[in-house]
Amino acid sequence: MRLVIQRVSQAEVKVEGSTVGAIGKGLLVLLGIENDDNQSDLEWLVNKLLNLRIFNDENQVMNLSLLDIKGALMVISQFTLMAATKKGNRPSYIRAANHEIAIPLYEQFVTLAEEKLGSKVAKGVFGADMKVSLLNDGPVTIIIDSKNRE
């Protein structure tokens, strides 16, 4: 699994012109799932994400987590994060998990995050053509890959 994490002041996702998810201060997460991802990847990433200290404390030092600030979370599925670009100029998505693997893991990711946050997680519509808008705060953008554990 691969995450692109963006600290935001606000974010919104629309499908066919209608808003399906919106948040204020918190994190917008793009989630890519590959064929061999499993429950261990999911649990490690959710814990890392929610405890990542990337919000400023009273001294303007990134020392607080999403849990600390009681911030909002939006998770958007994005198979293109698993693109392989080594050969040629057209990305290959052969590593991206198919719907049978990806949808359950995506839903489990959201459910576990909701349990640990104690609040609803905003999300898009899996497989839909989504329009995501955000106001990146900082900007702060971090990539985490469960296979590298970094």
Protein backbone atom coordinates (compact mmCIF):
# COMPACT_ATOMS: atom_id res chain seq x y z
CA MET A 1 0.00 0.00 0.00
CA ARG A 2 1.12 3.49 -0.74
CA LEU A 3 -0.14 6.72 0.77
CA VAL A 4 0.27 10.29 -0.37
CA ILE A 5 -0.59 12.37 2.69
CA GLN A 6 -1.38 16.06 2.40
CA ARG A 7 -1.94 18.31 5.38
CA VAL A 8 -4.90 20.47 4.43
CA SER A 9 -6.93 23.41 5.66
CA GLN A 10 -9.83 21.99 3.65
CA ALA A 11 -10.53 19.36 1.00
CA GLU A 12 -13.51 18.24 -1.05
CA VAL A 13 -14.28 15.43 -3.47
CA LYS A 14 -17.00 15.58 -6.10
CA VAL A 15 -18.50 12.88 -8.31
CA GLU A 16 -20.63 13.97 -11.27
CA GLY A 17 -20.76 17.51 -9.88
CA SER A 18 -22.02 16.52 -6.42
CA THR A 19 -19.93 16.74 -3.27
CA VAL A 20 -19.56 13.27 -1.75
CA GLY A 21 -16.99 14.18 0.90
CA ALA A 22 -15.51 17.29 2.51
CA ILE A 23 -13.27 18.09 5.46
CA GLY A 24 -11.76 21.06 7.23
CA LYS A 25 -8.37 21.00 8.95
CA GLY A 26 -6.78 17.57 8.74
CA LEU A 27 -5.34 15.15 6.23
CA LEU A 28 -6.24 14.26 2.67
CA VAL A 29 -4.89 10.80 1.90
CA LEU A 30 -4.59 9.22 -1.52
CA LEU A 31 -4.46 5.42 -1.08
CA GLY A 32 -2.98 3.02 -3.63
CA ILE A 33 -3.38 -0.72 -3.14
CA GLU A 34 -1.34 -3.40 -4.90
CA ASN A 35 -1.97 -7.10 -5.44
CA ASP A 36 0.03 -8.45 -2.50
CA ASP A 37 -1.16 -5.97 0.14
CA ASN A 38 -2.72 -7.48 3.24
CA GLN A 39 -4.09 -6.77 6.72
CA SER A 40 -0.60 -6.21 8.13
CA ASP A 41 0.08 -3.44 5.59
CA LEU A 42 -3.28 -1.87 6.36
CA GLU A 43 -2.86 -1.86 10.15
CA TRP A 44 0.70 -0.53 9.98
CA LEU A 45 -0.30 2.31 7.66
CA VAL A 46 -3.37 3.38 9.63
CA ASN A 47 -1.33 3.55 12.84
CA LYS A 48 1.51 5.41 11.13
CA LEU A 49 -0.90 7.85 9.47
CA LEU A 50 -2.89 8.74 12.57
CA ASN A 51 0.21 9.16 14.75
CA LEU A 52 2.37 11.02 12.21
CA ARG A 53 3.44 14.26 13.91
CA ILE A 54 2.99 16.80 11.11
CA PHE A 55 0.81 19.46 12.74
CA ASN A 56 2.28 22.47 14.48
CA ASP A 57 2.28 22.82 18.25
CA GLU A 58 2.17 26.15 20.12
CA ASN A 59 5.82 26.78 19.15
CA GLN A 60 5.12 26.22 15.43
CA VAL A 61 7.04 22.92 15.48
CA MET A 62 5.53 19.90 13.71
CA ASN A 63 4.98 17.89 16.86
CA LEU A 64 1.29 16.97 16.87
CA SER A 65 -0.58 14.14 15.17
CA LEU A 66 -4.04 14.02 13.61
CA LEU A 67 -5.20 12.30 16.81
CA ASP A 68 -3.69 15.09 18.94
CA ILE A 69 -5.48 17.88 17.08
CA LYS A 70 -8.68 15.87 16.59
CA GLY A 71 -8.44 16.68 12.90
CA ALA A 72 -10.48 15.41 9.99
CA LEU A 73 -9.48 12.70 7.53
CA MET A 74 -10.40 12.09 3.91
CA VAL A 75 -9.27 8.91 2.13
CA ILE A 76 -9.43 8.68 -1.66
CA SER A 77 -8.66 5.45 -3.55
CA GLN A 78 -6.11 6.03 -6.30
CA PHE A 79 -4.81 3.06 -8.29
CA THR A 80 -2.43 5.33 -10.26
CA LEU A 81 -0.17 5.51 -7.19
CA MET A 82 0.92 1.98 -8.08
CA ALA A 83 2.11 3.02 -11.57
CA ALA A 84 5.32 1.50 -12.86
CA THR A 85 7.18 3.99 -15.06
CA LYS A 86 10.53 2.26 -15.59
CA LYS A 87 9.84 1.22 -19.19
CA GLY A 88 8.66 3.64 -21.84
CA ASN A 89 6.44 6.65 -21.34
CA ARG A 90 3.11 4.98 -20.70
CA PRO A 91 2.63 3.96 -17.06
CA SER A 92 1.82 0.34 -16.33
CA TYR A 93 -0.72 -0.43 -13.62
CA ILE A 94 -0.07 -4.17 -13.49
CA ARG A 95 0.82 -3.93 -9.76
CA ALA A 96 -2.44 -2.18 -8.87
CA ALA A 97 -4.89 -4.50 -7.14
CA ASN A 98 -8.08 -5.45 -8.92
CA HIS A 99 -11.47 -4.52 -7.46
CA GLU A 100 -11.87 -7.85 -5.64
CA ILE A 101 -8.74 -7.15 -3.58
CA ALA A 102 -8.73 -3.35 -3.48
CA ILE A 103 -12.31 -2.57 -2.44
CA PRO A 104 -12.32 -4.69 0.75
CA LEU A 105 -8.88 -3.37 1.79
CA TYR A 106 -9.93 0.22 1.10
CA GLU A 107 -13.11 -0.20 3.15
CA GLN A 108 -11.17 -1.88 5.98
CA PHE A 109 -8.65 0.99 5.93
CA VAL A 110 -11.45 3.55 6.31
CA THR A 111 -13.23 1.51 9.02
CA LEU A 112 -10.06 1.05 11.10
CA ALA A 113 -9.22 4.75 10.77
CA GLU A 114 -12.75 5.67 11.91
CA GLU A 115 -12.46 3.37 14.93
CA LYS A 116 -9.13 4.85 15.98
CA LEU A 117 -10.14 8.46 15.27
CA GLY A 118 -13.54 8.13 16.87
CA SER A 119 -15.10 10.04 14.00
CA LYS A 120 -16.35 9.59 10.45
CA VAL A 121 -13.78 9.53 7.63
CA ALA A 122 -14.74 11.35 4.45
CA LYS A 123 -14.15 9.43 1.24
CA GLY A 124 -14.80 9.40 -2.46
CA VAL A 125 -16.47 6.73 -4.58
CA PHE A 126 -14.23 3.81 -5.40
CA GLY A 127 -13.54 3.61 -9.14
CA ALA A 128 -15.44 6.80 -9.97
CA ASP A 129 -14.13 9.78 -11.90
CA MET A 130 -13.55 12.07 -8.91
CA LYS A 131 -12.66 15.74 -8.76
CA VAL A 132 -10.58 16.40 -5.66
CA SER A 133 -9.83 19.93 -4.52
CA LEU A 134 -7.70 20.90 -1.55
CA LEU A 135 -5.94 23.73 0.17
CA ASN A 136 -2.59 22.24 1.12
CA ASP A 137 -1.44 23.66 4.46
CA GLY A 138 2.29 24.35 4.53
CA PRO A 139 2.53 22.78 2.02
CA VAL A 140 3.10 19.46 3.75
CA THR A 141 3.03 16.35 1.56
CA ILE A 142 4.45 12.98 2.63
CA ILE A 143 4.60 9.61 0.86
CA ILE A 144 4.57 6.37 2.85
CA ASP A 145 4.89 2.86 1.41
CA SER A 146 4.02 -0.14 3.58
CA LYS A 147 6.48 -2.38 1.74
CA ASN A 148 9.42 -0.12 2.62
CA ARG A 149 8.02 0.76 6.05
CA GLU A 150 9.11 4.34 5.45
